[in-house]
Amino acid sequence: MKSVKNLDIYKKAHDLTLSLYKQTKNFPEEEKYGLVSQIRRAVVSINSNLMEGYHRNGLKEFRQFIEISKGSAGEL
């Protein structure tokens, strides 16, 4: 594995991030600092944790960050 960006899960999570940013642009203004903010932070957290885990010290830590990413997906 040369890069985490080559993983299908990373690509799908990235596509989801782009999609949700576009969709949340159409949310009501009163949700800008509530629901929209929460959705965006959760979706960004998925790829952020995949990337961080990949750059840690081995497969064990990467797996741990995958679990954290799964938690962010559940929150989303």
N, C-alpha and C. Protein backbone atom coordinates (compact mmCIF):
# COMPACT_ATOMS: atom_id res chain seq x y z
N MET A 1 0.86 -1.17 0.00
CA MET A 1 0.00 0.00 0.00
C MET A 1 0.91 1.24 0.00
N LYS A 2 0.87 1.99 -1.07
CA LYS A 2 1.76 3.14 -1.19
C LYS A 2 1.17 4.41 -0.58
N SER A 3 -0.15 4.52 -0.62
CA SER A 3 -0.78 5.71 -0.07
C SER A 3 -2.19 5.37 0.39
N VAL A 4 -2.60 5.98 1.48
CA VAL A 4 -3.95 5.77 1.98
C VAL A 4 -4.96 6.28 0.94
N LYS A 5 -4.56 7.24 0.14
CA LYS A 5 -5.46 7.80 -0.88
C LYS A 5 -5.82 6.78 -1.96
N ASN A 6 -5.08 5.68 -2.04
CA ASN A 6 -5.39 4.63 -3.01
C ASN A 6 -6.45 3.66 -2.50
N LEU A 7 -6.77 3.72 -1.22
CA LEU A 7 -7.76 2.81 -0.65
C LEU A 7 -9.17 3.22 -1.08
N ASP A 8 -9.98 2.24 -1.43
CA ASP A 8 -11.35 2.52 -1.84
C ASP A 8 -12.13 3.25 -0.75
N ILE A 9 -11.91 2.87 0.49
CA ILE A 9 -12.65 3.49 1.59
C ILE A 9 -12.30 4.97 1.70
N TYR A 10 -11.04 5.31 1.48
CA TYR A 10 -10.63 6.71 1.53
C TYR A 10 -11.29 7.49 0.39
N LYS A 11 -11.30 6.91 -0.79
CA LYS A 11 -11.92 7.56 -1.95
C LYS A 11 -13.41 7.77 -1.72
N LYS A 12 -14.08 6.77 -1.19
CA LYS A 12 -15.52 6.88 -0.93
C LYS A 12 -15.80 7.92 0.15
N ALA A 13 -14.98 7.95 1.18
CA ALA A 13 -15.17 8.93 2.24
C ALA A 13 -14.91 10.35 1.72
N HIS A 14 -13.96 10.48 0.83
CA HIS A 14 -13.68 11.79 0.23
C HIS A 14 -14.86 12.25 -0.62
N ASP A 15 -15.39 11.34 -1.42
CA ASP A 15 -16.57 11.66 -2.24
C ASP A 15 -17.75 12.04 -1.35
N LEU A 16 -17.92 11.33 -0.24
CA LEU A 16 -19.00 11.65 0.70
C LEU A 16 -18.80 13.04 1.28
N THR A 17 -17.58 13.39 1.61
CA THR A 17 -17.29 14.72 2.15
C THR A 17 -17.69 15.80 1.16
N LEU A 18 -17.26 15.64 -0.09
CA LEU A 18 -17.60 16.63 -1.11
C LEU A 18 -19.11 16.74 -1.30
N SER A 19 -19.77 15.61 -1.33
CA SER A 19 -21.22 15.58 -1.51
C SER A 19 -21.95 16.27 -0.37
N LEU A 20 -21.55 15.98 0.86
CA LEU A 20 -22.24 16.57 2.01
C LEU A 20 -21.97 18.06 2.13
N TYR A 21 -20.79 18.50 1.74
CA TYR A 21 -20.54 19.94 1.75
C TYR A 21 -21.48 20.64 0.76
N LYS A 22 -21.68 20.05 -0.41
CA LYS A 22 -22.60 20.63 -1.40
C LYS A 22 -24.03 20.61 -0.88
N GLN A 23 -24.44 19.48 -0.30
CA GLN A 23 -25.82 19.36 0.18
C GLN A 23 -26.11 20.31 1.33
N THR A 24 -25.15 20.48 2.23
CA THR A 24 -25.41 21.32 3.40
C THR A 24 -25.42 22.81 3.06
N LYS A 25 -24.94 23.18 1.89
CA LYS A 25 -25.05 24.57 1.44
C LYS A 25 -26.52 24.99 1.34
N ASN A 26 -27.40 24.03 1.10
CA ASN A 26 -28.82 24.31 0.92
C ASN A 26 -29.62 24.22 2.21
N PHE A 27 -28.96 23.95 3.32
CA PHE A 27 -29.66 23.89 4.61
C PHE A 27 -30.07 25.30 5.03
N PRO A 28 -31.07 25.39 5.88
CA PRO A 28 -31.49 26.71 6.36
C PRO A 28 -30.35 27.44 7.09
N GLU A 29 -30.34 28.74 6.99
CA GLU A 29 -29.30 29.57 7.61
C GLU A 29 -29.20 29.33 9.12
N GLU A 30 -30.33 29.08 9.76
CA GLU A 30 -30.31 28.89 11.22
C GLU A 30 -29.60 27.60 11.63
N GLU A 31 -29.34 26.71 10.69
CA GLU A 31 -28.62 25.47 10.98
C GLU A 31 -27.12 25.58 10.72
N LYS A 32 -26.67 26.71 10.23
CA LYS A 32 -25.27 26.89 9.84
C LYS A 32 -24.29 26.54 10.96
N TYR A 33 -24.58 26.96 12.18
CA TYR A 33 -23.65 26.72 13.29
C TYR A 33 -24.08 25.55 14.17
N GLY A 34 -25.12 24.86 13.78
CA GLY A 34 -25.59 23.71 14.53
C GLY A 34 -25.40 22.44 13.72
N LEU A 35 -26.46 22.05 13.05
CA LEU A 35 -26.48 20.80 12.31
C LEU A 35 -25.44 20.75 11.19
N VAL A 36 -25.33 21.82 10.42
CA VAL A 36 -24.38 21.84 9.31
C VAL A 36 -22.95 21.68 9.84
N SER A 37 -22.63 22.40 10.88
CA SER A 37 -21.30 22.31 11.46
C SER A 37 -21.01 20.89 11.95
N GLN A 38 -21.95 20.28 12.61
CA GLN A 38 -21.77 18.92 13.14
C GLN A 38 -21.59 17.91 12.00
N ILE A 39 -22.41 18.01 10.97
CA ILE A 39 -22.30 17.10 9.82
C ILE A 39 -20.92 17.23 9.18
N ARG A 40 -20.52 18.45 8.95
CA ARG A 40 -19.24 18.68 8.28
C ARG A 40 -18.05 18.21 9.12
N ARG A 41 -18.09 18.46 10.41
CA ARG A 41 -16.98 18.01 11.27
C ARG A 41 -16.90 16.49 11.30
N ALA A 42 -18.05 15.84 11.37
CA ALA A 42 -18.07 14.37 11.42
C ALA A 42 -17.55 13.76 10.12
N VAL A 43 -17.98 14.30 8.99
CA VAL A 43 -17.56 13.72 7.71
C VAL A 43 -16.08 13.96 7.45
N VAL A 44 -15.56 15.12 7.83
CA VAL A 44 -14.13 15.40 7.67
C VAL A 44 -13.30 14.50 8.58
N SER A 45 -13.84 14.19 9.74
CA SER A 45 -13.14 13.35 10.70
C SER A 45 -12.87 11.94 10.17
N ILE A 46 -13.74 11.45 9.31
CA ILE A 46 -13.56 10.10 8.76
C ILE A 46 -12.23 10.01 8.02
N ASN A 47 -12.03 10.88 7.04
CA ASN A 47 -10.79 10.83 6.26
C ASN A 47 -9.59 11.29 7.07
N SER A 48 -9.79 12.24 7.96
CA SER A 48 -8.67 12.72 8.78
C SER A 48 -8.09 11.59 9.61
N ASN A 49 -8.95 10.78 10.18
CA ASN A 49 -8.47 9.67 11.00
C ASN A 49 -7.86 8.56 10.16
N LEU A 50 -8.39 8.32 8.98
CA LEU A 50 -7.76 7.35 8.08
C LEU A 50 -6.34 7.80 7.73
N MET A 51 -6.22 9.08 7.40
CA MET A 51 -4.91 9.62 7.03
C MET A 51 -3.94 9.58 8.21
N GLU A 52 -4.39 10.01 9.37
CA GLU A 52 -3.51 10.02 10.55
C GLU A 52 -3.07 8.61 10.91
N GLY A 53 -4.01 7.67 10.92
CA GLY A 53 -3.68 6.30 11.26
C GLY A 53 -2.69 5.68 10.30
N TYR A 54 -2.85 6.00 9.03
CA TYR A 54 -1.94 5.47 8.02
C TYR A 54 -0.51 5.94 8.27
N HIS A 55 -0.37 7.14 8.77
CA HIS A 55 0.96 7.70 8.99
C HIS A 55 1.51 7.44 10.39
N ARG A 56 0.86 6.60 11.13
CA ARG A 56 1.36 6.22 12.45
C ARG A 56 2.35 5.07 12.32
N ASN A 57 2.64 4.41 13.44
CA ASN A 57 3.69 3.40 13.49
C ASN A 57 3.19 1.98 13.28
N GLY A 58 2.60 1.71 12.14
CA GLY A 58 2.26 0.34 11.83
C GLY A 58 0.77 0.04 11.75
N LEU A 59 0.51 -1.21 11.43
CA LEU A 59 -0.84 -1.68 11.15
C LEU A 59 -1.74 -1.63 12.38
N LYS A 60 -1.20 -1.91 13.55
CA LYS A 60 -2.00 -1.91 14.77
C LYS A 60 -2.62 -0.52 15.02
N GLU A 61 -1.81 0.51 14.91
CA GLU A 61 -2.33 1.86 15.11
C GLU A 61 -3.27 2.26 13.97
N PHE A 62 -2.96 1.85 12.76
CA PHE A 62 -3.84 2.15 11.63
C PHE A 62 -5.22 1.55 11.88
N ARG A 63 -5.26 0.32 12.35
CA ARG A 63 -6.54 -0.32 12.66
C ARG A 63 -7.31 0.47 13.73
N GLN A 64 -6.59 0.96 14.72
CA GLN A 64 -7.23 1.76 15.78
C GLN A 64 -7.88 3.01 15.18
N PHE A 65 -7.21 3.67 14.27
CA PHE A 65 -7.77 4.87 13.65
C PHE A 65 -8.90 4.55 12.68
N ILE A 66 -8.88 3.36 12.11
CA ILE A 66 -10.02 2.92 11.30
C ILE A 66 -11.25 2.83 12.18
N GLU A 67 -11.09 2.32 13.37
CA GLU A 67 -12.22 2.22 14.32
C GLU A 67 -12.73 3.62 14.70
N ILE A 68 -11.83 4.55 14.88
CA ILE A 68 -12.23 5.93 15.17
C ILE A 68 -13.01 6.49 13.99
N SER A 69 -12.56 6.22 12.77
CA SER A 69 -13.26 6.66 11.57
C SER A 69 -14.67 6.06 11.51
N LYS A 70 -14.78 4.81 11.90
CA LYS A 70 -16.10 4.17 11.93
C LYS A 70 -17.02 4.87 12.92
N GLY A 71 -16.46 5.30 14.03
CA GLY A 71 -17.24 6.04 15.01
C GLY A 71 -17.74 7.36 14.44
N SER A 72 -16.89 8.03 13.69
CA SER A 72 -17.30 9.29 13.05
C SER A 72 -18.40 9.04 12.03
N ALA A 73 -18.29 7.94 11.31
CA ALA A 73 -19.35 7.59 10.34
C ALA A 73 -20.67 7.32 11.07
N GLY A 74 -20.59 6.69 12.21
CA GLY A 74 -21.79 6.45 13.00
C GLY A 74 -22.40 7.75 13.50
N GLU A 75 -21.55 8.67 13.93
CA GLU A 75 -22.02 9.99 14.37
C GLU A 75 -22.70 10.73 13.23
N LEU A 76 -22.14 10.59 12.05
CA LEU A 76 -22.70 11.26 10.87
C LEU A 76 -24.07 10.73 10.57
